[in-house]
Protein backbone atom coordinates (compact mmCIF):
# COMPACT_ATOMS: atom_id res chain seq x y z
CA MET A 1 -44.17 -15.20 -15.17
CA SER A 2 -44.26 -18.27 -12.95
CA ASP A 3 -41.25 -19.21 -10.88
CA PRO A 4 -39.72 -22.46 -12.26
CA ARG A 5 -38.61 -23.35 -8.75
CA ASP A 6 -42.23 -24.04 -7.83
CA LYS A 7 -42.30 -26.89 -10.34
CA PHE A 8 -38.74 -27.98 -9.62
CA PHE A 9 -39.35 -28.38 -5.87
CA GLU A 10 -42.91 -29.70 -6.23
CA SER A 11 -42.10 -33.23 -5.08
CA VAL A 12 -40.36 -31.95 -1.90
CA ALA A 13 -42.37 -28.79 -1.33
CA THR A 14 -43.46 -29.82 2.17
CA ALA A 15 -39.98 -30.79 3.36
CA ARG A 16 -38.36 -28.82 6.17
CA VAL A 17 -34.81 -27.93 5.26
CA THR A 18 -32.11 -26.74 7.65
CA ALA A 19 -29.30 -24.72 6.07
CA ARG A 20 -26.31 -22.84 7.39
CA VAL A 21 -24.32 -19.90 6.11
CA ILE A 22 -20.71 -20.74 6.92
CA ALA A 23 -17.62 -18.53 6.85
CA GLU A 24 -14.92 -19.93 4.57
CA GLU A 25 -12.13 -17.87 6.14
CA PRO A 26 -11.40 -15.91 9.34
CA GLY A 27 -12.63 -12.36 9.71
CA ILE A 28 -15.19 -10.03 11.25
CA VAL A 29 -18.82 -10.40 10.20
CA ALA A 30 -20.94 -7.42 9.20
CA GLY A 31 -24.26 -6.96 7.44
CA CYS A 32 -25.86 -9.38 9.89
CA SER A 33 -28.33 -6.80 11.17
CA ALA A 34 -30.03 -6.79 7.75
CA VAL A 35 -30.66 -10.55 7.79
CA PRO A 36 -33.86 -10.71 9.91
CA ALA A 37 -35.78 -8.28 7.68
CA SER A 38 -34.63 -10.04 4.53
CA LEU A 39 -35.70 -13.41 5.87
CA ALA A 40 -39.02 -11.97 7.03
CA GLU A 41 -39.80 -11.08 3.42
CA LEU A 42 -39.52 -14.80 2.67
CA GLY A 43 -41.67 -15.74 5.64
CA ILE A 44 -38.91 -17.44 7.62
CA THR A 45 -36.75 -16.58 10.61
CA ALA A 46 -33.19 -17.47 11.57
CA ARG A 47 -32.71 -20.22 14.12
CA SER A 48 -29.38 -18.58 14.98
CA GLN A 49 -27.60 -15.49 13.76
CA LEU A 50 -24.24 -13.97 14.71
CA ALA A 51 -24.17 -10.28 15.56
CA ASP A 52 -22.27 -7.65 13.62
CA GLY A 53 -18.67 -7.42 14.80
CA THR A 54 -18.36 -11.08 15.79
CA PRO A 55 -14.94 -12.61 14.96
CA VAL A 56 -15.20 -15.85 12.99
CA LYS A 57 -12.88 -18.64 11.95
CA ALA A 58 -13.08 -20.75 8.81
CA GLY A 59 -16.02 -23.08 9.36
CA THR A 60 -17.94 -20.84 11.78
CA VAL A 61 -21.72 -20.94 11.34
CA VAL A 62 -22.88 -17.36 10.76
CA THR A 63 -26.59 -18.06 10.21
CA GLU A 64 -28.82 -21.11 10.54
CA ILE A 65 -32.26 -21.14 8.96
CA VAL A 66 -35.12 -23.58 8.50
CA GLY A 67 -37.63 -23.40 5.65
CA SER A 68 -39.07 -25.06 2.61
CA PRO A 69 -36.76 -25.96 -0.30
CA LYS A 70 -37.86 -22.90 -2.27
CA GLU A 71 -37.43 -20.62 0.74
CA ILE A 72 -33.91 -21.93 1.29
CA ALA A 73 -33.07 -21.43 -2.39
CA LEU A 74 -34.31 -17.83 -2.21
CA ALA A 75 -32.46 -17.24 1.06
CA GLU A 76 -29.19 -18.40 -0.48
CA GLU A 77 -29.53 -15.69 -3.13
CA ARG A 78 -29.94 -13.04 -0.43
CA LEU A 79 -27.96 -13.87 2.68
CA ILE A 80 -24.44 -14.22 1.31
CA GLY A 81 -24.87 -10.99 -0.65
CA LEU A 82 -25.97 -9.18 2.49
CA MET A 83 -22.99 -10.27 4.57
CA ALA A 84 -19.97 -11.30 2.48
CA LYS A 85 -18.89 -7.90 1.14
CA PRO A 86 -19.63 -5.92 4.33
CA SER A 87 -17.76 -8.58 6.30
CA GLY A 88 -14.75 -8.21 4.01
CA ILE A 89 -14.76 -4.45 4.58
CA ALA A 90 -15.15 -4.85 8.35
CA THR A 91 -12.28 -7.34 8.37
CA ALA A 92 -9.97 -5.02 6.41
CA THR A 93 -10.94 -2.11 8.66
CA ALA A 94 -10.19 -4.12 11.79
CA ARG A 95 -6.69 -4.90 10.47
CA PHE A 96 -5.92 -1.18 10.12
CA VAL A 97 -7.35 -0.42 13.55
CA ALA A 98 -5.31 -3.22 15.12
CA ARG A 99 -2.13 -2.03 13.41
CA ALA A 100 -2.76 1.53 14.63
CA GLY A 101 -3.02 0.23 18.19
CA GLY A 102 -4.65 3.39 19.47
CA ARG A 103 -1.72 5.56 18.39
CA VAL A 104 -3.53 6.84 15.31
CA ARG A 105 -7.27 7.25 14.76
CA VAL A 106 -8.33 5.32 11.66
CA VAL A 107 -11.15 6.70 9.53
CA SER A 108 -12.46 5.84 6.09
CA GLY A 109 -14.51 8.42 4.28
CA ALA A 110 -14.30 6.79 0.85
CA TRP A 111 -17.79 5.28 1.27
CA LYS A 112 -19.14 8.68 0.22
CA LYS A 113 -17.77 8.08 -3.31
CA LEU A 114 -19.77 4.89 -3.80
CA PRO A 115 -23.22 4.54 -5.40
CA PHE A 116 -26.00 5.84 -3.18
CA SER A 117 -27.54 2.39 -2.74
CA GLN A 118 -24.28 1.08 -1.24
CA LYS A 119 -23.32 4.01 0.99
CA GLU A 120 -25.07 3.00 4.20
CA ILE A 121 -24.05 -0.67 3.95
CA ILE A 122 -20.38 0.25 3.52
CA ARG A 123 -20.49 2.96 6.18
CA GLN A 124 -21.90 0.53 8.71
CA ALA A 125 -19.25 -2.08 7.83
CA ILE A 126 -16.51 0.48 8.51
CA VAL A 127 -18.02 1.21 11.92
CA VAL A 128 -18.31 -2.52 12.68
CA GLY A 129 -14.60 -2.86 11.88
CA GLY A 130 -13.78 -0.27 14.52
CA ALA A 131 -13.02 2.82 12.42
CA ALA A 132 -14.92 6.06 12.01
CA PRO A 133 -16.74 6.91 8.77
CA ARG A 134 -15.85 10.60 9.02
CA ILE A 135 -12.72 12.51 9.91
CA ALA A 136 -14.47 14.36 12.74
CA GLU A 137 -17.66 14.21 14.73
CA TRP A 138 -20.52 16.40 13.54
CA PRO A 139 -20.83 19.38 13.50
CA PHE A 140 -17.78 20.35 11.45
CA LEU A 141 -16.81 22.40 8.42
CA TYR A 142 -14.81 20.54 5.79
CA ILE A 143 -12.88 22.94 3.58
CA ASP A 144 -11.58 21.08 0.56
CA LYS A 145 -9.24 22.14 -2.22
CA ASN A 146 -12.10 23.39 -4.41
CA PHE A 147 -13.38 25.74 -1.69
CA VAL A 148 -9.88 27.23 -1.48
CA ARG A 149 -9.68 27.58 -5.26
CA MET A 150 -13.05 29.33 -5.40
CA HIS A 151 -12.03 31.77 -2.67
CA GLY A 152 -8.73 32.43 -4.40
CA GLY A 153 -6.37 31.35 -1.63
CA LEU A 154 -5.95 30.09 1.90
CA GLU A 155 -6.27 33.39 3.77
CA ALA A 156 -9.51 34.36 2.04
CA THR A 157 -10.88 30.88 2.66
CA MET A 158 -10.05 30.95 6.35
CA ALA A 159 -11.53 34.43 6.67
CA ALA A 160 -14.79 33.13 5.20
CA ALA A 161 -14.72 30.16 7.58
CA SER A 162 -14.22 32.46 10.57
CA ARG A 163 -17.63 34.01 9.93
CA LEU A 164 -19.38 30.69 10.54
CA GLU A 165 -20.35 29.18 13.86
CA THR A 166 -19.38 25.53 13.64
CA GLY A 167 -17.43 22.79 15.36
CA ALA A 168 -14.18 21.50 13.94
CA ARG A 169 -12.68 23.24 10.94
CA ILE A 170 -10.98 20.70 8.70
CA VAL A 171 -8.80 22.12 5.94
CA GLN A 172 -7.45 19.97 3.11
CA ILE A 173 -3.96 20.95 1.97
CA ARG A 174 -1.99 19.50 -0.95
CA GLY A 175 0.82 21.96 -1.60
CA GLU A 176 -1.15 23.87 -4.23
CA HIS A 177 -0.66 27.28 -2.62
CA GLY A 178 2.96 27.02 -1.51
CA ASP A 179 5.10 24.53 0.32
CA ILE A 180 2.93 22.16 2.30
CA SER A 181 4.62 23.05 5.57
CA ASP A 182 3.82 26.72 4.91
CA GLU A 183 0.23 25.81 4.04
CA ALA A 184 -0.11 23.94 7.34
CA VAL A 185 1.03 26.98 9.31
CA ARG A 186 -1.24 29.36 7.39
CA VAL A 187 -4.42 27.34 7.84
CA ALA A 188 -3.64 26.60 11.49
CA ALA A 189 -3.07 30.29 12.15
CA GLY A 190 -6.34 30.98 10.35
CA GLY A 191 -8.37 28.79 12.67
CA ALA A 192 -8.13 25.23 11.36
CA THR A 193 -8.57 22.60 14.05
CA ILE A 194 -7.63 19.68 11.78
CA VAL A 195 -4.92 20.14 9.16
CA PHE A 196 -5.62 17.48 6.53
CA VAL A 197 -2.49 16.63 4.52
CA ASP A 198 -4.03 14.92 1.48
CA SER A 199 -0.98 14.57 -0.72
CA GLY A 200 -0.24 10.88 -0.29
CA ARG A 201 3.36 11.66 0.69
CA ILE A 202 4.28 10.76 4.25
CA ASP A 203 7.18 13.21 4.26
CA ASP A 204 4.66 16.01 3.62
CA ALA A 205 2.85 15.09 6.83
CA GLU A 206 6.14 15.05 8.71
CA ARG A 207 7.14 18.48 7.40
CA ALA A 208 3.71 19.91 8.23
CA ILE A 209 3.95 18.61 11.80
CA LEU A 210 7.46 19.98 12.27
CA ALA A 211 6.38 23.39 10.93
CA LEU A 212 3.38 23.52 13.27
CA LYS A 213 5.64 22.71 16.22
CA ALA A 214 8.20 25.31 15.17
CA HIS A 215 5.50 28.01 15.09
CA GLY A 216 3.94 26.94 18.39
CA LEU A 217 0.75 25.80 16.66
CA ARG A 218 0.78 22.05 17.25
CA SER A 219 -1.02 22.07 20.60
CA GLY A 220 -4.78 21.70 20.12
CA ILE A 221 -4.48 21.04 16.40
CA LYS A 222 -4.73 17.56 14.90
CA VAL A 223 -3.00 16.47 11.73
CA ALA A 224 -4.76 14.06 9.40
CA PHE A 225 -3.24 12.26 6.43
CA ALA A 226 -4.63 10.54 3.34
CA GLY A 227 -3.65 9.41 -0.12
CA GLY A 228 -2.93 5.80 -0.98
CA VAL A 229 -2.45 4.71 2.64
CA GLN A 230 -1.58 1.02 2.94
CA LEU A 231 -1.44 -1.18 6.02
CA GLY A 232 2.35 -1.01 6.06
CA ASP A 233 2.28 2.80 6.26
CA ILE A 234 0.64 2.93 9.68
CA GLU A 235 3.88 2.51 11.64
CA ALA A 236 5.62 5.40 9.88
CA LEU A 237 2.59 7.66 10.25
CA ALA A 238 2.32 6.90 13.95
CA GLU A 239 6.02 7.54 14.46
CA ILE A 240 5.93 11.05 12.97
CA GLY A 241 2.90 11.97 15.08
CA VAL A 242 -0.02 11.92 12.65
CA ASP A 243 -3.29 11.92 14.64
CA ILE A 244 -5.77 10.69 12.02
CA VAL A 245 -5.31 8.43 9.01
CA ASP A 246 -7.99 8.32 6.32
CA VAL A 247 -7.83 4.97 4.49
CA GLY A 248 -9.61 4.63 1.17
CA ARG A 249 -9.50 1.75 -1.28
CA PRO A 250 -7.76 -0.85 0.92
CA ILE A 251 -10.91 -0.71 3.07
CA VAL A 252 -13.85 0.01 0.73
CA ASP A 253 -12.43 -2.18 -2.06
CA ALA A 254 -11.52 -5.04 0.29
CA PRO A 255 -12.39 -8.50 -1.05
CA LEU A 256 -15.50 -10.11 0.34
CA LEU A 257 -15.24 -12.52 3.25
CA ASP A 258 -16.04 -15.77 1.49
CA MET A 259 -19.13 -17.61 2.71
CA ARG A 260 -21.20 -20.56 1.56
CA LEU A 261 -24.68 -21.87 2.28
CA ASP A 262 -24.90 -25.58 3.04
CA VAL A 263 -28.06 -27.65 3.42
CA VAL A 264 -27.39 -29.83 6.48
CA GLU A 265 -30.75 -31.55 7.07
CA VAL A 266 -33.88 -32.37 5.07
CA LEU A 267 -36.96 -33.66 6.90
CA ARG A 268 -39.66 -35.01 4.58
CA GLU A 269 -43.24 -35.64 5.64
CA VAL A 270 -44.18 -39.31 5.93
């Protein structure tokens, strides 16, 4: 099937058009690294292009391109889609990181729940925003609630983990096998290096930390927290001594950073 744009732009097909992708609001841009390859498929290059992680204000030019009318029309379909959503995620991530102020390590592992085609884009946007995409650096063993259920309890699970040579041992606890403070002590005594309180209740994290301190297990063990974390929760989590906060939907479901493409110059052959 022929492209109707060929006929539509026939009378101006030889014109050279300059267009700009412009941020409509302040934020942090991401997805920019994918722009050159996308433009190359159209046979054009960017005259200017901001780098991932660049702060922008409303009205900032993110990308400037020059091409034929059809090339510009095709570029408009691609460029905003490449950058607007990742930029929104990077912007939301940067807000959490700024609020944490180095007191708490911000991570967002929720990108793993998204469709496969989106995973890498979202993961990179989280990194651009200044957070980590995983709760620990590889190698590590992540022991979630289902592993514990299949082993029949915390002690059996930690015994199985002890037979493996690995880096960090991250154990998810939710109060399913006793009081959460007791669970924290049991997994720490069993060799956990990160106790992951995934209940969504800040007081659970506080009780887990107090129990670890009372049993002399806090030194060398990090406490992570997740479950509905909002920007306003960061202060309370930092105050009780949480080391790592895993933020889900407020980051991966962040609204896109609004952008527009404007044609700013049209040079026609004479």
